[in-house]
Amino acid sequence: MKKIFWLLFIIFSFSTCEKNEIDCCVNLDTLNVTLKFTHNWDGVPVTASDFNDFKFRTANGESISIEKLRYVLSKIKLVNGNEEFTFSNYNLINIGEEKGLSLNLPEKIFPGSYQLKFTFGFSDSDNKDGVYQDLNSVSFNVPGMLGGGYHYMQFDGKYKDTNNQDAGFNYHAIRAVDRSDPNNLVFEDTSFDVDLGTVSFISSSKIIIKVNIAEWFKNPNKWDLNELNTVLMPNFEAQKLMSANGKNVFSLGDITQ
């Protein structure tokens, strides 16, 4: 009887230990991550309540008001070695309508360090004409005569011209297209990748991504709205200038846990 007792005791202890080890692995703490996009003009916060008012001044000296500002980011992800955790294939951010300003990672991840990356606009492989129904429904398409696909950004407003009169601007970013020969369009992918560096988490966190709107008119190309204001979509060189300026727009803000 004693031998049977000790045998049962050993079997029970082993199974309990094994169960605890499994529970330990299964119950490792995971966390939720949220991105929040905040907008500013050289440090001054910008929200929908600031639209339609001449509150801002470009690096070139033009006073402007913002009427519409919406843009798309794609391949938004956290990367840890060979692992990628995707927030969204793409996200349309509309400041005026206060949409797309917050984005939750749809899966939980483990604490650690990750690279935060995304693409401004769509790379050529993703910029497929007519395939994104939600973007179709809000007129984010690019006309077929310019190669189709989608806008990267629609930024509309007014500026004070050299006569101090109100004039309109349409700072629209798309894939650059050279229409010198309408029968043989030449394209250049002017989307760009953004790497905001390493972010580290020990608990569920909110990451602030700061978007400095003033940079679209500033660096490295000081933008003169009196020269480049409308009909920019078919302007091959202007699109390349926009792409260069956009690479200074996004930066990593605070991480709250």
C-alpha atoms as a PDB file:
ATOM      1  CA  MET A   1       0.000   0.000   0.000  1.00  0.00           C
ATOM      2  CA  LYS A   2       2.821   2.400   0.849  1.00  0.00           C
ATOM      3  CA  LYS A   3       4.446   1.792  -2.537  1.00  0.00           C
ATOM      4  CA  ILE A   4       1.133   2.491  -4.323  1.00  0.00           C
ATOM      5  CA  PHE A   5       0.637   5.652  -2.228  1.00  0.00           C
ATOM      6  CA  TRP A   6       4.064   7.074  -3.102  1.00  0.00           C
ATOM      7  CA  LEU A   7       3.632   6.171  -6.753  1.00  0.00           C
ATOM      8  CA  LEU A   8       0.329   8.049  -6.920  1.00  0.00           C
ATOM      9  CA  PHE A   9       1.886  10.982  -5.053  1.00  0.00           C
ATOM     10  CA  ILE A  10       4.750  11.255  -7.559  1.00  0.00           C
ATOM     11  CA  ILE A  11       2.380  11.053 -10.555  1.00  0.00           C
ATOM     12  CA  PHE A  12       0.125  13.753  -9.078  1.00  0.00           C
ATOM     13  CA  SER A  13       3.050  16.044  -8.272  1.00  0.00           C
ATOM     14  CA  PHE A  14       4.513  15.670 -11.772  1.00  0.00           C
ATOM     15  CA  SER A  15       1.188  16.436 -13.472  1.00  0.00           C
ATOM     16  CA  THR A  16       0.635  19.494 -11.240  1.00  0.00           C
ATOM     17  CA  CYS A  17       4.117  20.808 -12.018  1.00  0.00           C
ATOM     18  CA  GLU A  18       3.590  20.242 -15.723  1.00  0.00           C
ATOM     19  CA  LYS A  19       0.242  22.061 -15.571  1.00  0.00           C
ATOM     20  CA  ASN A  20       1.822  25.021 -13.769  1.00  0.00           C
ATOM     21  CA  GLU A  21       4.523  25.266 -16.418  1.00  0.00           C
ATOM     22  CA  ILE A  22       1.879  25.289 -19.170  1.00  0.00           C
ATOM     23  CA  ASP A  23      -0.172  27.907 -17.317  1.00  0.00           C
ATOM     24  CA  CYS A  24       2.960  29.986 -16.884  1.00  0.00           C
ATOM     25  CA  CYS A  25       3.587  29.989 -20.631  1.00  0.00           C
ATOM     26  CA  VAL A  26      -0.055  30.581 -21.554  1.00  0.00           C
ATOM     27  CA  ASN A  27      -0.621  33.375 -19.038  1.00  0.00           C
ATOM     28  CA  LEU A  28       2.374  35.537 -19.880  1.00  0.00           C
ATOM     29  CA  ASP A  29       1.212  39.150 -19.726  1.00  0.00           C
ATOM     30  CA  THR A  30       0.361  40.676 -23.098  1.00  0.00           C
ATOM     31  CA  LEU A  31      -0.528  44.268 -23.791  1.00  0.00           C
ATOM     32  CA  ASN A  32      -2.582  46.546 -26.023  1.00  0.00           C
ATOM     33  CA  VAL A  33      -1.039  49.341 -28.100  1.00  0.00           C
ATOM     34  CA  THR A  34      -2.779  52.423 -29.510  1.00  0.00           C
ATOM     35  CA  LEU A  35      -1.470  55.059 -31.891  1.00  0.00           C
ATOM     36  CA  LYS A  36      -2.724  58.619 -31.584  1.00  0.00           C
ATOM     37  CA  PHE A  37      -1.979  61.209 -34.269  1.00  0.00           C
ATOM     38  CA  THR A  38      -1.687  64.799 -33.092  1.00  0.00           C
ATOM     39  CA  HIS A  39      -1.184  67.754 -35.420  1.00  0.00           C
ATOM     40  CA  ASN A  40       0.673  70.982 -34.921  1.00  0.00           C
ATOM     41  CA  TRP A  41       2.069  73.983 -36.739  1.00  0.00           C
ATOM     42  CA  ASP A  42       5.636  74.320 -35.498  1.00  0.00           C
ATOM     43  CA  GLY A  43       4.526  73.245 -32.036  1.00  0.00           C
ATOM     44  CA  VAL A  44       1.140  75.022 -31.931  1.00  0.00           C
ATOM     45  CA  PRO A  45      -1.652  72.415 -31.761  1.00  0.00           C
ATOM     46  CA  VAL A  46      -3.955  72.190 -34.791  1.00  0.00           C
ATOM     47  CA  THR A  47      -7.457  70.698 -34.653  1.00  0.00           C
ATOM     48  CA  ALA A  48     -10.619  71.033 -36.717  1.00  0.00           C
ATOM     49  CA  SER A  49     -11.574  74.099 -34.654  1.00  0.00           C
ATOM     50  CA  ASP A  50      -8.610  75.956 -36.181  1.00  0.00           C
ATOM     51  CA  PHE A  51      -9.804  75.495 -39.773  1.00  0.00           C
ATOM     52  CA  ASN A  52     -11.069  78.313 -42.009  1.00  0.00           C
ATOM     53  CA  ASP A  53      -9.118  80.973 -40.177  1.00  0.00           C
ATOM     54  CA  PHE A  54      -5.849  82.671 -41.183  1.00  0.00           C
ATOM     55  CA  LYS A  55      -3.946  81.401 -38.161  1.00  0.00           C
ATOM     56  CA  PHE A  56      -0.790  80.059 -39.768  1.00  0.00           C
ATOM     57  CA  ARG A  57       2.208  81.418 -41.652  1.00  0.00           C
ATOM     58  CA  THR A  58       4.466  79.457 -43.988  1.00  0.00           C
ATOM     59  CA  ALA A  59       8.257  79.578 -43.959  1.00  0.00           C
ATOM     60  CA  ASN A  60       8.006  81.714 -47.094  1.00  0.00           C
ATOM     61  CA  GLY A  61       5.794  84.226 -45.273  1.00  0.00           C
ATOM     62  CA  GLU A  62       2.329  83.496 -46.665  1.00  0.00           C
ATOM     63  CA  SER A  63      -0.567  83.638 -44.226  1.00  0.00           C
ATOM     64  CA  ILE A  64      -2.829  80.631 -44.757  1.00  0.00           C
ATOM     65  CA  SER A  65      -6.055  79.081 -43.580  1.00  0.00           C
ATOM     66  CA  ILE A  66      -6.738  75.343 -43.709  1.00  0.00           C
ATOM     67  CA  GLU A  67     -10.032  74.145 -45.162  1.00  0.00           C
ATOM     68  CA  LYS A  68      -9.363  70.427 -45.666  1.00  0.00           C
ATOM     69  CA  LEU A  69      -6.508  68.165 -44.656  1.00  0.00           C
ATOM     70  CA  ARG A  70      -6.685  64.418 -45.062  1.00  0.00           C
ATOM     71  CA  TYR A  71      -3.982  61.910 -45.908  1.00  0.00           C
ATOM     72  CA  VAL A  72      -3.408  58.171 -46.011  1.00  0.00           C
ATOM     73  CA  LEU A  73      -0.767  56.096 -44.228  1.00  0.00           C
ATOM     74  CA  SER A  74      -0.245  52.446 -45.166  1.00  0.00           C
ATOM     75  CA  LYS A  75       1.644  49.434 -43.798  1.00  0.00           C
ATOM     76  CA  ILE A  76       1.486  50.798 -40.242  1.00  0.00           C
ATOM     77  CA  LYS A  77       3.330  48.288 -38.086  1.00  0.00           C
ATOM     78  CA  LEU A  78       5.546  47.384 -35.162  1.00  0.00           C
ATOM     79  CA  VAL A  79       8.562  45.262 -36.056  1.00  0.00           C
ATOM     80  CA  ASN A  80      10.583  43.038 -33.731  1.00  0.00           C
ATOM     81  CA  GLY A  81      13.159  41.005 -35.637  1.00  0.00           C
ATOM     82  CA  ASN A  82      11.261  38.836 -38.081  1.00  0.00           C
ATOM     83  CA  GLU A  83       7.919  39.503 -36.383  1.00  0.00           C
ATOM     84  CA  GLU A  84       5.566  42.208 -37.641  1.00  0.00           C
ATOM     85  CA  PHE A  85       2.408  43.401 -35.899  1.00  0.00           C
ATOM     86  CA  THR A  86       0.193  45.401 -38.254  1.00  0.00           C
ATOM     87  CA  PHE A  87      -2.119  48.159 -37.050  1.00  0.00           C
ATOM     88  CA  SER A  88      -3.727  48.591 -40.443  1.00  0.00           C
ATOM     89  CA  ASN A  89      -3.058  48.025 -44.123  1.00  0.00           C
ATOM     90  CA  TYR A  90      -3.945  51.699 -44.498  1.00  0.00           C
ATOM     91  CA  ASN A  91      -5.562  54.465 -42.504  1.00  0.00           C
ATOM     92  CA  LEU A  92      -7.202  57.637 -43.828  1.00  0.00           C
ATOM     93  CA  ILE A  93      -6.674  60.506 -41.406  1.00  0.00           C
ATOM     94  CA  ASN A  94      -9.141  63.367 -41.788  1.00  0.00           C
ATOM     95  CA  ILE A  95      -8.411  66.217 -39.396  1.00  0.00           C
ATOM     96  CA  GLY A  96     -11.444  68.303 -40.354  1.00  0.00           C
ATOM     97  CA  GLU A  97     -13.842  65.444 -39.647  1.00  0.00           C
ATOM     98  CA  GLU A  98     -11.735  64.130 -36.746  1.00  0.00           C
ATOM     99  CA  LYS A  99     -11.547  60.648 -38.231  1.00  0.00           C
ATOM    100  CA  GLY A 100      -8.663  58.181 -38.189  1.00  0.00           C
ATOM    101  CA  LEU A 101      -6.842  60.047 -35.416  1.00  0.00           C
ATOM    102  CA  SER A 102      -6.559  56.948 -33.227  1.00  0.00           C
ATOM    103  CA  LEU A 103      -5.641  53.426 -34.239  1.00  0.00           C
ATOM    104  CA  ASN A 104      -5.568  50.272 -32.106  1.00  0.00           C
ATOM    105  CA  LEU A 105      -3.318  47.297 -32.736  1.00  0.00           C
ATOM    106  CA  PRO A 106      -5.866  44.512 -33.397  1.00  0.00           C
ATOM    107  CA  GLU A 107      -3.789  41.915 -31.552  1.00  0.00           C
ATOM    108  CA  LYS A 108      -2.017  41.848 -28.211  1.00  0.00           C
ATOM    109  CA  ILE A 109       1.770  41.774 -28.125  1.00  0.00           C
ATOM    110  CA  PHE A 110       4.375  40.971 -25.508  1.00  0.00           C
ATOM    111  CA  PRO A 111       6.373  43.641 -23.672  1.00  0.00           C
ATOM    112  CA  GLY A 112       9.603  44.563 -25.416  1.00  0.00           C
ATOM    113  CA  SER A 113      11.192  46.880 -27.969  1.00  0.00           C
ATOM    114  CA  TYR A 114       9.856  47.406 -31.487  1.00  0.00           C
ATOM    115  CA  GLN A 115      10.477  49.566 -34.549  1.00  0.00           C
ATOM    116  CA  LEU A 116       7.481  51.752 -35.455  1.00  0.00           C
ATOM    117  CA  LYS A 117       7.155  52.100 -39.232  1.00  0.00           C
ATOM    118  CA  PHE A 118       4.651  53.165 -41.875  1.00  0.00           C
ATOM    119  CA  THR A 119       4.413  54.444 -45.438  1.00  0.00           C
ATOM    120  CA  PHE A 120       3.069  57.854 -46.379  1.00  0.00           C
ATOM    121  CA  GLY A 121       0.619  57.209 -49.202  1.00  0.00           C
ATOM    122  CA  PHE A 122       0.702  53.934 -51.104  1.00  0.00           C
ATOM    123  CA  SER A 123       3.710  52.252 -52.654  1.00  0.00           C
ATOM    124  CA  ASP A 124       3.210  51.410 -56.331  1.00  0.00           C
ATOM    125  CA  SER A 125       2.443  47.774 -55.503  1.00  0.00           C
ATOM    126  CA  ASP A 126      -0.453  48.854 -53.251  1.00  0.00           C
ATOM    127  CA  ASN A 127      -1.650  51.835 -55.303  1.00  0.00           C
ATOM    128  CA  LYS A 128      -4.168  49.812 -57.294  1.00  0.00           C
ATOM    129  CA  ASP A 129      -6.885  51.713 -59.041  1.00  0.00           C
ATOM    130  CA  GLY A 130     -10.369  51.378 -57.584  1.00  0.00           C
ATOM    131  CA  VAL A 131      -9.728  48.546 -55.108  1.00  0.00           C
ATOM    132  CA  TYR A 132     -10.304  50.419 -51.824  1.00  0.00           C
ATOM    133  CA  GLN A 133     -14.047  50.952 -51.622  1.00  0.00           C
ATOM    134  CA  ASP A 134     -13.987  53.257 -48.599  1.00  0.00           C
ATOM    135  CA  LEU A 135     -11.530  55.564 -50.379  1.00  0.00           C
ATOM    136  CA  ASN A 136     -13.628  55.442 -53.542  1.00  0.00           C
ATOM    137  CA  SER A 137     -16.655  56.586 -51.557  1.00  0.00           C
ATOM    138  CA  VAL A 138     -14.906  59.736 -50.277  1.00  0.00           C
ATOM    139  CA  SER A 139     -13.415  60.810 -53.631  1.00  0.00           C
ATOM    140  CA  PHE A 140      -9.814  59.969 -52.830  1.00  0.00           C
ATOM    141  CA  ASN A 141      -9.204  58.559 -56.303  1.00  0.00           C
ATOM    142  CA  VAL A 142      -6.746  59.924 -58.860  1.00  0.00           C
ATOM    143  CA  PRO A 143      -8.178  60.454 -62.376  1.00  0.00           C
ATOM    144  CA  GLY A 144      -7.268  57.891 -65.004  1.00  0.00           C
ATOM    145  CA  MET A 145      -5.560  60.552 -67.131  1.00  0.00           C
ATOM    146  CA  LEU A 146      -3.000  60.827 -64.303  1.00  0.00           C
ATOM    147  CA  GLY A 147      -2.578  57.090 -63.978  1.00  0.00           C
ATOM    148  CA  GLY A 148      -5.362  56.258 -61.518  1.00  0.00           C
ATOM    149  CA  GLY A 149      -4.740  54.918 -58.037  1.00  0.00           C
ATOM    150  CA  TYR A 150      -5.218  57.130 -55.021  1.00  0.00           C
ATOM    151  CA  HIS A 151      -4.176  60.403 -53.496  1.00  0.00           C
ATOM    152  CA  TYR A 152      -1.596  60.380 -50.756  1.00  0.00           C
ATOM    153  CA  MET A 153      -2.912  63.682 -49.385  1.00  0.00           C
ATOM    154  CA  GLN A 154      -5.518  66.363 -50.066  1.00  0.00           C
ATOM    155  CA  PHE A 155      -4.568  69.642 -48.386  1.00  0.00           C
ATOM    156  CA  ASP A 156      -6.786  72.586 -49.367  1.00  0.00           C
ATOM    157  CA  GLY A 157      -7.054  76.125 -48.093  1.00  0.00           C
ATOM    158  CA  LYS A 158      -6.496  79.784 -48.809  1.00  0.00           C
ATOM    159  CA  TYR A 159      -3.469  82.051 -48.641  1.00  0.00           C
ATOM    160  CA  LYS A 160      -2.909  85.787 -48.820  1.00  0.00           C
ATOM    161  CA  ASP A 161      -1.307  86.544 -52.169  1.00  0.00           C
ATOM    162  CA  THR A 162       1.166  89.345 -52.947  1.00  0.00           C
ATOM    163  CA  ASN A 163      -1.772  91.773 -53.101  1.00  0.00           C
ATOM    164  CA  ASN A 164      -3.031  90.547 -49.717  1.00  0.00           C
ATOM    165  CA  GLN A 165      -6.038  88.996 -51.429  1.00  0.00           C
ATOM    166  CA  ASP A 166      -7.463  85.591 -50.620  1.00  0.00           C
ATOM    167  CA  ALA A 167      -6.372  82.932 -53.102  1.00  0.00           C
ATOM    168  CA  GLY A 168      -6.915  79.182 -53.055  1.00  0.00           C
ATOM    169  CA  PHE A 169      -4.357  76.395 -52.867  1.00  0.00           C
ATOM    170  CA  ASN A 170      -4.697  72.649 -53.462  1.00  0.00           C
ATOM    171  CA  TYR A 171      -1.606  70.944 -52.091  1.00  0.00           C
ATOM    172  CA  HIS A 172      -2.458  67.454 -53.361  1.00  0.00           C
ATOM    173  CA  ALA A 173       0.157  64.692 -53.182  1.00  0.00           C
ATOM    174  CA  ILE A 174      -0.034  61.721 -55.561  1.00  0.00           C
ATOM    175  CA  ARG A 175       2.356  59.419 -57.388  1.00  0.00           C
ATOM    176  CA  ALA A 176       4.375  61.731 -59.645  1.00  0.00           C
ATOM    177  CA  VAL A 177       3.420  61.453 -63.312  1.00  0.00           C
ATOM    178  CA  ASP A 178       5.127  62.983 -66.325  1.00  0.00           C
ATOM    179  CA  ARG A 179       2.510  63.637 -69.008  1.00  0.00           C
ATOM    180  CA  SER A 180       4.888  65.035 -71.626  1.00  0.00           C
ATOM    181  CA  ASP A 181       3.568  62.269 -73.863  1.00  0.00           C
ATOM    182  CA  PRO A 182      -0.070  61.577 -72.868  1.00  0.00           C
ATOM    183  CA  ASN A 183       0.145  58.226 -74.633  1.00  0.00           C
ATOM    184  CA  ASN A 184       3.207  57.168 -72.671  1.00  0.00           C
ATOM    185  CA  LEU A 185       2.915  58.302 -69.066  1.00  0.00           C
ATOM    186  CA  VAL A 186       6.072  58.159 -66.957  1.00  0.00           C
ATOM    187  CA  PHE A 187       5.600  57.501 -63.223  1.00  0.00           C
ATOM    188  CA  GLU A 188       7.750  57.923 -60.146  1.00  0.00           C
ATOM    189  CA  ASP A 189       6.736  56.465 -56.796  1.00  0.00           C
ATOM    190  CA  THR A 190       6.740  59.466 -54.451  1.00  0.00           C
ATOM    191  CA  SER A 191       5.363  57.650 -51.432  1.00  0.00           C
ATOM    192  CA  PHE A 192       7.974  57.302 -48.700  1.00  0.00           C
ATOM    193  CA  ASP A 193       8.670  55.105 -45.703  1.00  0.00           C
ATOM    194  CA  VAL A 194       8.788  56.548 -42.204  1.00  0.00           C
ATOM    195  CA  ASP A 195      10.781  54.867 -39.420  1.00  0.00           C
ATOM    196  CA  LEU A 196      10.085  56.551 -36.090  1.00  0.00           C
ATOM    197  CA  GLY A 197      12.704  54.478 -34.308  1.00  0.00           C
ATOM    198  CA  THR A 198      12.465  52.168 -31.325  1.00  0.00           C
ATOM    199  CA  VAL A 199       9.524  52.141 -28.946  1.00  0.00           C
ATOM    200  CA  SER A 200       9.557  50.048 -25.768  1.00  0.00           C
ATOM    201  CA  PHE A 201       6.644  48.801 -23.685  1.00  0.00           C
ATOM    202  CA  ILE A 202       6.264  47.202 -20.294  1.00  0.00           C
ATOM    203  CA  SER A 203       2.481  47.595 -20.169  1.00  0.00           C
ATOM    204  CA  SER A 204      -0.408  48.588 -22.413  1.00  0.00           C
ATOM    205  CA  SER A 205       0.562  51.866 -24.059  1.00  0.00           C
ATOM    206  CA  LYS A 206      -0.507  54.821 -26.173  1.00  0.00           C
ATOM    207  CA  ILE A 207       2.026  56.158 -28.681  1.00  0.00           C
ATOM    208  CA  ILE A 208       1.761  59.757 -29.836  1.00  0.00           C
ATOM    209  CA  ILE A 209       2.783  60.463 -33.437  1.00  0.00           C
ATOM    210  CA  LYS A 210       3.363  64.162 -33.954  1.00  0.00           C
ATOM    211  CA  VAL A 211       2.534  65.629 -37.352  1.00  0.00           C
ATOM    212  CA  ASN A 212       4.014  69.070 -38.043  1.00  0.00           C
ATOM    213  CA  ILE A 213       1.919  70.485 -40.891  1.00  0.00           C
ATOM    214  CA  ALA A 214       4.259  73.467 -41.329  1.00  0.00           C
ATOM    215  CA  GLU A 215       6.971  71.144 -42.638  1.00  0.00           C
ATOM    216  CA  TRP A 216       5.045  70.604 -45.881  1.00  0.00           C
ATOM    217  CA  PHE A 217       6.019  74.164 -46.801  1.00  0.00           C
ATOM    218  CA  LYS A 218       9.456  74.322 -45.268  1.00  0.00           C
ATOM    219  CA  ASN A 219      12.205  71.758 -45.466  1.00  0.00           C
ATOM    220  CA  PRO A 220      14.207  71.097 -47.594  1.00  0.00           C
ATOM    221  CA  ASN A 221      12.141  73.104 -50.104  1.00  0.00           C
ATOM    222  CA  LYS A 222      10.777  76.473 -49.023  1.00  0.00           C
ATOM    223  CA  TRP A 223       7.381  76.550 -50.686  1.00  0.00           C
ATOM    224  CA  ASP A 224       6.153  79.693 -52.471  1.00  0.00           C
ATOM    225  CA  LEU A 225       2.370  79.486 -52.711  1.00  0.00           C
ATOM    226  CA  ASN A 226       2.368  82.385 -55.167  1.00  0.00           C
ATOM    227  CA  GLU A 227       4.203  80.086 -57.584  1.00  0.00           C
ATOM    228  CA  LEU A 228       2.896  76.625 -56.663  1.00  0.00           C
ATOM    229  CA  ASN A 229      -0.691  76.728 -55.473  1.00  0.00           C
ATOM    230  CA  THR A 230      -3.108  74.782 -57.691  1.00  0.00           C
ATOM    231  CA  VAL A 231      -2.948  72.200 -60.522  1.00  0.00           C
ATOM    232  CA  LEU A 232      -0.102  70.447 -58.699  1.00  0.00           C
ATOM    233  CA  MET A 233      -1.250  66.887 -59.369  1.00  0.00           C
ATOM    234  CA  PRO A 234       0.028  66.805 -62.989  1.00  0.00           C
ATOM    235  CA  ASN A 235       3.175  68.747 -62.006  1.00  0.00           C
ATOM    236  CA  PHE A 236       5.882  66.062 -62.006  1.00  0.00           C
ATOM    237  CA  GLU A 237       8.560  68.196 -60.352  1.00  0.00           C
ATOM    238  CA  ALA A 238       6.197  69.632 -57.723  1.00  0.00           C
ATOM    239  CA  GLN A 239       5.222  66.134 -56.613  1.00  0.00           C
ATOM    240  CA  LYS A 240       8.863  65.263 -56.032  1.00  0.00           C
ATOM    241  CA  LEU A 241       9.343  68.444 -53.995  1.00  0.00           C
ATOM    242  CA  MET A 242       6.326  67.554 -51.851  1.00  0.00           C
ATOM    243  CA  SER A 243       7.667  64.072 -51.221  1.00  0.00           C
ATOM    244  CA  ALA A 244      10.999  65.506 -50.030  1.00  0.00           C
ATOM    245  CA  ASN A 245       9.268  67.925 -47.639  1.00  0.00           C
ATOM    246  CA  GLY A 246       6.973  65.249 -46.250  1.00  0.00           C
ATOM    247  CA  LYS A 247       9.878  63.250 -44.889  1.00  0.00           C
ATOM    248  CA  ASN A 248      10.246  65.859 -42.130  1.00  0.00           C
ATOM    249  CA  VAL A 249       6.591  65.971 -41.118  1.00  0.00           C
ATOM    250  CA  PHE A 250       6.306  62.969 -38.775  1.00  0.00           C
ATOM    251  CA  SER A 251       8.034  62.432 -35.444  1.00  0.00           C
ATOM    252  CA  LEU A 252       7.661  60.285 -32.352  1.00  0.00           C
ATOM    253  CA  GLY A 253       5.931  61.870 -29.378  1.00  0.00           C
ATOM    254  CA  ASP A 254       5.333  60.642 -25.832  1.00  0.00           C
ATOM    255  CA  ILE A 255       4.541  57.058 -24.929  1.00  0.00           C
ATOM    256  CA  THR A 256       2.108  56.757 -22.028  1.00  0.00           C
ATOM    257  CA  GLN A 257       1.643  53.444 -20.203  1.00  0.00           C
END
